[in-house]
C-alpha atoms as a PDB file:
ATOM      1  CA  MET A   1      -9.961  55.024 -25.985  1.00  0.00           C
ATOM      2  CA  GLU A   2     -12.409  52.777 -27.519  1.00  0.00           C
ATOM      3  CA  PRO A   3     -13.954  49.787 -25.269  1.00  0.00           C
ATOM      4  CA  PRO A   4     -12.966  46.439 -25.648  1.00  0.00           C
ATOM      5  CA  GLN A   5     -14.358  43.983 -27.873  1.00  0.00           C
ATOM      6  CA  GLU A   6     -16.355  41.496 -26.228  1.00  0.00           C
ATOM      7  CA  THR A   7     -15.203  37.700 -26.207  1.00  0.00           C
ATOM      8  CA  ALA A   8     -17.069  35.167 -27.349  1.00  0.00           C
ATOM      9  CA  TYR A   9     -16.089  31.572 -25.921  1.00  0.00           C
ATOM     10  CA  ASN A  10     -17.349  28.773 -28.342  1.00  0.00           C
ATOM     11  CA  PRO A  11     -17.017  25.274 -26.895  1.00  0.00           C
ATOM     12  CA  ILE A  12     -14.528  23.056 -29.414  1.00  0.00           C
ATOM     13  CA  SER A  13     -14.114  18.918 -28.973  1.00  0.00           C
ATOM     14  CA  SER A  14     -11.725  16.935 -27.074  1.00  0.00           C
ATOM     15  CA  ALA A  15     -10.010  16.411 -30.754  1.00  0.00           C
ATOM     16  CA  ASP A  16      -9.828  20.264 -32.135  1.00  0.00           C
ATOM     17  CA  ALA A  17      -8.622  21.103 -28.373  1.00  0.00           C
ATOM     18  CA  VAL A  18      -5.751  18.007 -28.625  1.00  0.00           C
ATOM     19  CA  ILE A  19      -4.470  19.368 -32.146  1.00  0.00           C
ATOM     20  CA  ARG A  20      -4.884  23.228 -31.091  1.00  0.00           C
ATOM     21  CA  TYR A  21      -2.874  22.978 -27.306  1.00  0.00           C
ATOM     22  CA  ALA A  22      -0.534  20.136 -28.741  1.00  0.00           C
ATOM     23  CA  GLY A  23       1.981  22.703 -28.805  1.00  0.00           C
ATOM     24  CA  ASN A  24       1.433  23.248 -25.179  1.00  0.00           C
ATOM     25  CA  PHE A  25       1.833  20.095 -24.219  1.00  0.00           C
ATOM     26  CA  VAL A  26       5.659  19.829 -23.517  1.00  0.00           C
ATOM     27  CA  PRO A  27       6.307  23.047 -21.728  1.00  0.00           C
ATOM     28  CA  SER A  28       3.736  22.229 -19.575  1.00  0.00           C
ATOM     29  CA  TRP A  29       4.003  18.810 -18.614  1.00  0.00           C
ATOM     30  CA  ALA A  30       7.796  19.303 -17.874  1.00  0.00           C
ATOM     31  CA  GLY A  31       6.994  21.871 -15.559  1.00  0.00           C
ATOM     32  CA  ALA A  32       4.533  19.690 -13.648  1.00  0.00           C
ATOM     33  CA  ILE A  33       6.934  16.686 -13.643  1.00  0.00           C
ATOM     34  CA  ALA A  34       9.810  19.382 -12.065  1.00  0.00           C
ATOM     35  CA  ILE A  35       7.417  20.458  -9.499  1.00  0.00           C
ATOM     36  CA  ASP A  36       6.337  16.996  -8.662  1.00  0.00           C
ATOM     37  CA  LEU A  37      10.300  16.023  -8.437  1.00  0.00           C
ATOM     38  CA  LEU A  38      11.239  18.855  -6.527  1.00  0.00           C
ATOM     39  CA  PRO A  39      10.805  17.478  -3.042  1.00  0.00           C
ATOM     40  CA  GLY A  40      12.721  14.532  -4.175  1.00  0.00           C
ATOM     41  CA  ILE A  41      15.573  16.588  -5.040  1.00  0.00           C
ATOM     42  CA  LEU A  42      15.725  18.176  -1.848  1.00  0.00           C
ATOM     43  CA  VAL A  43      15.871  15.268   0.233  1.00  0.00           C
ATOM     44  CA  PHE A  44      18.607  13.756  -1.972  1.00  0.00           C
ATOM     45  CA  MET A  45      20.636  17.100  -1.749  1.00  0.00           C
ATOM     46  CA  LEU A  46      20.039  16.929   2.225  1.00  0.00           C
ATOM     47  CA  ALA A  47      21.264  13.402   2.549  1.00  0.00           C
ATOM     48  CA  VAL A  48      24.271  14.165   0.596  1.00  0.00           C
ATOM     49  CA  THR A  49      24.947  16.824   2.664  1.00  0.00           C
ATOM     50  CA  GLN A  50      24.447  15.106   5.670  1.00  0.00           C
ATOM     51  CA  ALA A  51      26.731  12.001   4.428  1.00  0.00           C
ATOM     52  CA  ALA A  52      29.383  14.924   3.831  1.00  0.00           C
ATOM     53  CA  ILE A  53      29.251  16.285   7.180  1.00  0.00           C
ATOM     54  CA  ARG A  54      29.239  12.485   8.617  1.00  0.00           C
ATOM     55  CA  ASN A  55      32.400  11.432   6.669  1.00  0.00           C
ATOM     56  CA  GLY A  56      33.960  14.552   8.040  1.00  0.00           C
ATOM     57  CA  ARG A  57      33.533  13.874  11.543  1.00  0.00           C
ATOM     58  CA  ASP A  58      35.215  10.405  11.160  1.00  0.00           C
ATOM     59  CA  GLY A  59      38.322  10.260  13.596  1.00  0.00           C
ATOM     60  CA  LEU A  60      37.396  12.979  15.417  1.00  0.00           C
ATOM     61  CA  SER A  61      36.731  12.430  19.837  1.00  0.00           C
ATOM     62  CA  ILE A  62      33.717  12.344  21.200  1.00  0.00           C
ATOM     63  CA  GLU A  63      34.631  15.695  23.037  1.00  0.00           C
ATOM     64  CA  GLU A  64      35.073  16.875  18.924  1.00  0.00           C
ATOM     65  CA  THR A  65      31.743  15.867  18.247  1.00  0.00           C
ATOM     66  CA  LEU A  66      29.215  17.126  20.977  1.00  0.00           C
ATOM     67  CA  THR A  67      26.319  19.024  20.517  1.00  0.00           C
ATOM     68  CA  LEU A  68      24.687  21.406  23.207  1.00  0.00           C
ATOM     69  CA  ALA A  69      21.937  18.704  23.319  1.00  0.00           C
ATOM     70  CA  ASP A  70      24.013  16.085  24.041  1.00  0.00           C
ATOM     71  CA  LEU A  71      25.771  18.266  26.504  1.00  0.00           C
ATOM     72  CA  LYS A  72      22.649  19.415  28.297  1.00  0.00           C
ATOM     73  CA  ALA A  73      21.571  15.860  28.190  1.00  0.00           C
ATOM     74  CA  ALA A  74      24.605  14.577  30.233  1.00  0.00           C
ATOM     75  CA  ILE A  75      24.545  17.472  32.840  1.00  0.00           C
ATOM     76  CA  ASN A  76      20.825  16.198  32.945  1.00  0.00           C
ATOM     77  CA  ALA A  77      21.680  12.529  33.688  1.00  0.00           C
ATOM     78  CA  MET A  78      24.320  13.422  36.157  1.00  0.00           C
ATOM     79  CA  LYS A  79      22.142  15.716  38.218  1.00  0.00           C
ATOM     80  CA  ASP A  80      19.566  12.590  38.223  1.00  0.00           C
ATOM     81  CA  VAL A  81      22.611  10.368  39.133  1.00  0.00           C
ATOM     82  CA  GLU A  82      23.623  12.494  42.062  1.00  0.00           C
ATOM     83  CA  ALA A  83      20.215  13.109  43.549  1.00  0.00           C
ATOM     84  CA  SER A  84      19.502   9.051  43.232  1.00  0.00           C
ATOM     85  CA  MET A  85      23.177   8.742  44.844  1.00  0.00           C
ATOM     86  CA  GLY A  86      22.392  11.512  47.629  1.00  0.00           C
ATOM     87  CA  ASP A  87      19.350   9.434  48.679  1.00  0.00           C
ATOM     88  CA  ALA A  88      21.136   6.165  48.523  1.00  0.00           C
ATOM     89  CA  ASP A  89      24.019   7.777  50.341  1.00  0.00           C
ATOM     90  CA  SER A  90      21.290   9.354  53.254  1.00  0.00           C
ATOM     91  CA  GLU A  91      19.482   5.821  53.497  1.00  0.00           C
ATOM     92  CA  ILE A  92      22.934   3.974  54.198  1.00  0.00           C
ATOM     93  CA  ILE A  93      23.693   6.439  57.146  1.00  0.00           C
ATOM     94  CA  ARG A  94      20.187   6.446  58.453  1.00  0.00           C
ATOM     95  CA  ARG A  95      20.391   2.510  58.613  1.00  0.00           C
ATOM     96  CA  MET A  96      24.405   2.913  60.056  1.00  0.00           C
ATOM     97  CA  ARG A  97      22.838   4.776  62.945  1.00  0.00           C
ATOM     98  CA  ASN A  98      19.614   2.701  63.714  1.00  0.00           C
ATOM     99  CA  ASP A  99      17.767   5.510  63.037  1.00  0.00           C
ATOM    100  CA  PRO A 100      14.252   4.815  62.726  1.00  0.00           C
ATOM    101  CA  PRO A 101      12.667   5.567  58.981  1.00  0.00           C
ATOM    102  CA  PRO A 102      11.159   8.900  58.082  1.00  0.00           C
ATOM    103  CA  SER A 103       7.666   8.888  59.494  1.00  0.00           C
ATOM    104  CA  LYS A 104       4.835   9.457  56.679  1.00  0.00           C
ATOM    105  CA  ASP A 105       3.243  12.043  58.925  1.00  0.00           C
ATOM    106  CA  GLN A 106       5.565  14.814  58.556  1.00  0.00           C
ATOM    107  CA  ASN A 107       3.352  17.354  60.227  1.00  0.00           C
ATOM    108  CA  THR A 108       3.867  15.674  63.356  1.00  0.00           C
ATOM    109  CA  THR A 109       6.669  16.681  66.008  1.00  0.00           C
ATOM    110  CA  THR A 110       8.409  15.236  68.816  1.00  0.00           C
ATOM    111  CA  GLU A 111       9.193  16.617  72.197  1.00  0.00           C
END
């Protein structure tokens, strides 16, 4: 194989560059605009999809639209309510019996 010819780079003026590369402007410009608009198009598609999902849920009861995250939050809330109710019940029973409140020093025992 014969060696490739050496490439010589000759600087050109801005005006010559505009004239020489004018044919490449439109495809390059269109590509750049498409890349810039892509996130907006994706957000628009997501918004339309979400709106369609929400419209499909109209008329459904809460049980039919409950997500797993909602269910977990509800279960945790019920556990918190039950724990606080248990504390309140034990306080009411203690007051009804006129028992003294539990001492802060849990390490001492009465004989």
